[in-house]
Amino acid sequence: MKVAFHSRLLTERGSEGAMLDYARLNRSVLGNESILCLPDRQEFAGNPLLKKWQEEFEVIQYQDKNDLGRKLKKDRAEVLYLTKPGPF
């Protein structure tokens, strides 16, 4: 099973730290494939954390909700886990 984990931010702390733990445990304990999803923002491009995430997981970057939906469908993700403080 492919599980996509979504965050709107690119940090190592708080919700994103928990999301990474969930993605790792999803893979190691449950044996599922984990994918990370985040918006395709210009300020993320030079962030070394993005490269670190990409070395460990497949990372999907998207323009809008429809783009995310298309990419997840193409990648055959079955579950989307959202880590968010408010409305998507």
C-alpha atoms as a PDB file:
ATOM      1  CA  MET A   1       0.000   0.000   0.000  1.00  0.00           C
ATOM      2  CA  LYS A   2       1.200   3.522  -0.774  1.00  0.00           C
ATOM      3  CA  VAL A   3       0.514   6.138   1.873  1.00  0.00           C
ATOM      4  CA  ALA A   4       1.076   9.817   1.101  1.00  0.00           C
ATOM      5  CA  PHE A   5       1.951  12.175   3.947  1.00  0.00           C
ATOM      6  CA  HIS A   6       1.193  15.851   3.354  1.00  0.00           C
ATOM      7  CA  SER A   7       2.530  19.026   4.891  1.00  0.00           C
ATOM      8  CA  ARG A   8       2.325  22.645   3.803  1.00  0.00           C
ATOM      9  CA  LEU A   9       5.662  23.478   5.454  1.00  0.00           C
ATOM     10  CA  LEU A  10       9.242  22.292   5.117  1.00  0.00           C
ATOM     11  CA  THR A  11      10.775  22.155   8.592  1.00  0.00           C
ATOM     12  CA  GLU A  12      12.364  19.578  10.895  1.00  0.00           C
ATOM     13  CA  ARG A  13      10.248  20.440  13.918  1.00  0.00           C
ATOM     14  CA  GLY A  14       6.679  20.165  15.114  1.00  0.00           C
ATOM     15  CA  SER A  15       4.129  18.683  12.756  1.00  0.00           C
ATOM     16  CA  GLU A  16       6.686  17.965  10.045  1.00  0.00           C
ATOM     17  CA  GLY A  17       8.920  16.067  12.487  1.00  0.00           C
ATOM     18  CA  ALA A  18       5.933  13.955  13.510  1.00  0.00           C
ATOM     19  CA  MET A  19       4.982  13.434   9.853  1.00  0.00           C
ATOM     20  CA  LEU A  20       8.479  12.125   9.086  1.00  0.00           C
ATOM     21  CA  ASP A  21       8.268   9.762  12.057  1.00  0.00           C
ATOM     22  CA  TYR A  22       4.888   8.492  10.826  1.00  0.00           C
ATOM     23  CA  ALA A  23       6.236   8.022   7.284  1.00  0.00           C
ATOM     24  CA  ARG A  24       9.273   6.127   8.562  1.00  0.00           C
ATOM     25  CA  LEU A  25       7.206   3.909  10.852  1.00  0.00           C
ATOM     26  CA  ASN A  26       4.637   3.320   8.111  1.00  0.00           C
ATOM     27  CA  ARG A  27       7.483   1.922   6.052  1.00  0.00           C
ATOM     28  CA  SER A  28       9.432   0.012   8.711  1.00  0.00           C
ATOM     29  CA  VAL A  29       6.639  -1.317  10.939  1.00  0.00           C
ATOM     30  CA  LEU A  30       3.716  -1.687   8.534  1.00  0.00           C
ATOM     31  CA  GLY A  31       5.737  -2.400   5.409  1.00  0.00           C
ATOM     32  CA  ASN A  32       3.931   0.245   3.349  1.00  0.00           C
ATOM     33  CA  GLU A  33       5.482   2.673   0.898  1.00  0.00           C
ATOM     34  CA  SER A  34       5.575   6.283   2.108  1.00  0.00           C
ATOM     35  CA  ILE A  35       5.397   9.354  -0.133  1.00  0.00           C
ATOM     36  CA  LEU A  36       5.785  12.944   1.067  1.00  0.00           C
ATOM     37  CA  CYS A  37       3.712  15.761  -0.468  1.00  0.00           C
ATOM     38  CA  LEU A  38       4.213  19.488  -0.198  1.00  0.00           C
ATOM     39  CA  PRO A  39       3.407  22.592  -2.224  1.00  0.00           C
ATOM     40  CA  ASP A  40       5.829  23.543  -4.985  1.00  0.00           C
ATOM     41  CA  ARG A  41       7.005  26.845  -3.533  1.00  0.00           C
ATOM     42  CA  GLN A  42      10.002  28.766  -4.799  1.00  0.00           C
ATOM     43  CA  GLU A  43      11.388  29.195  -1.263  1.00  0.00           C
ATOM     44  CA  PHE A  44      11.602  25.396  -0.895  1.00  0.00           C
ATOM     45  CA  ALA A  45      13.865  25.018  -3.967  1.00  0.00           C
ATOM     46  CA  GLY A  46      17.139  25.837  -2.222  1.00  0.00           C
ATOM     47  CA  ASN A  47      16.248  24.294   1.119  1.00  0.00           C
ATOM     48  CA  PRO A  48      18.721  21.508   2.037  1.00  0.00           C
ATOM     49  CA  LEU A  49      15.951  19.800   3.996  1.00  0.00           C
ATOM     50  CA  LEU A  50      14.059  19.151   0.739  1.00  0.00           C
ATOM     51  CA  LYS A  51      17.086  17.293  -0.629  1.00  0.00           C
ATOM     52  CA  LYS A  52      17.280  15.283   2.601  1.00  0.00           C
ATOM     53  CA  TRP A  53      13.591  14.334   2.317  1.00  0.00           C
ATOM     54  CA  GLN A  54      14.085  13.375  -1.357  1.00  0.00           C
ATOM     55  CA  GLU A  55      16.989  11.095  -0.463  1.00  0.00           C
ATOM     56  CA  GLU A  56      14.791   9.150   1.954  1.00  0.00           C
ATOM     57  CA  PHE A  57      11.344   9.305   0.311  1.00  0.00           C
ATOM     58  CA  GLU A  58       9.635   9.994  -2.956  1.00  0.00           C
ATOM     59  CA  VAL A  59       8.520  13.631  -2.732  1.00  0.00           C
ATOM     60  CA  ILE A  60       5.586  15.013  -4.695  1.00  0.00           C
ATOM     61  CA  GLN A  61       5.462  18.778  -5.120  1.00  0.00           C
ATOM     62  CA  TYR A  62       2.250  20.248  -6.487  1.00  0.00           C
ATOM     63  CA  GLN A  63       0.764  23.549  -7.675  1.00  0.00           C
ATOM     64  CA  ASP A  64      -2.802  23.212  -6.328  1.00  0.00           C
ATOM     65  CA  LYS A  65      -5.250  20.618  -4.942  1.00  0.00           C
ATOM     66  CA  ASN A  66      -6.166  19.366  -8.404  1.00  0.00           C
ATOM     67  CA  ASP A  67      -2.512  18.907  -9.314  1.00  0.00           C
ATOM     68  CA  LEU A  68      -1.922  16.997  -6.066  1.00  0.00           C
ATOM     69  CA  GLY A  69      -4.918  14.763  -6.792  1.00  0.00           C
ATOM     70  CA  ARG A  70      -3.665  13.976 -10.299  1.00  0.00           C
ATOM     71  CA  LYS A  71      -0.161  13.177  -9.075  1.00  0.00           C
ATOM     72  CA  LEU A  72      -1.402  10.960  -6.243  1.00  0.00           C
ATOM     73  CA  LYS A  73      -3.718   9.102  -8.599  1.00  0.00           C
ATOM     74  CA  LYS A  74      -0.895   8.626 -11.121  1.00  0.00           C
ATOM     75  CA  ASP A  75       1.366   7.363  -8.335  1.00  0.00           C
ATOM     76  CA  ARG A  76      -1.410   5.051  -7.085  1.00  0.00           C
ATOM     77  CA  ALA A  77      -1.414   6.382  -3.538  1.00  0.00           C
ATOM     78  CA  GLU A  78      -4.250   4.783  -1.602  1.00  0.00           C
ATOM     79  CA  VAL A  79      -4.246   6.930   1.549  1.00  0.00           C
ATOM     80  CA  LEU A  80      -3.476  10.612   2.179  1.00  0.00           C
ATOM     81  CA  TYR A  81      -2.488  11.632   5.703  1.00  0.00           C
ATOM     82  CA  LEU A  82      -2.765  15.391   6.242  1.00  0.00           C
ATOM     83  CA  THR A  83      -0.766  17.169   8.934  1.00  0.00           C
ATOM     84  CA  LYS A  84      -2.262  20.630   9.093  1.00  0.00           C
ATOM     85  CA  PRO A  85      -3.293  23.371  11.489  1.00  0.00           C
ATOM     86  CA  GLY A  86      -6.441  24.403   9.626  1.00  0.00           C
ATOM     87  CA  PRO A  87      -8.220  24.285   6.277  1.00  0.00           C
ATOM     88  CA  PHE A  88      -6.401  22.677   3.349  1.00  0.00           C
END
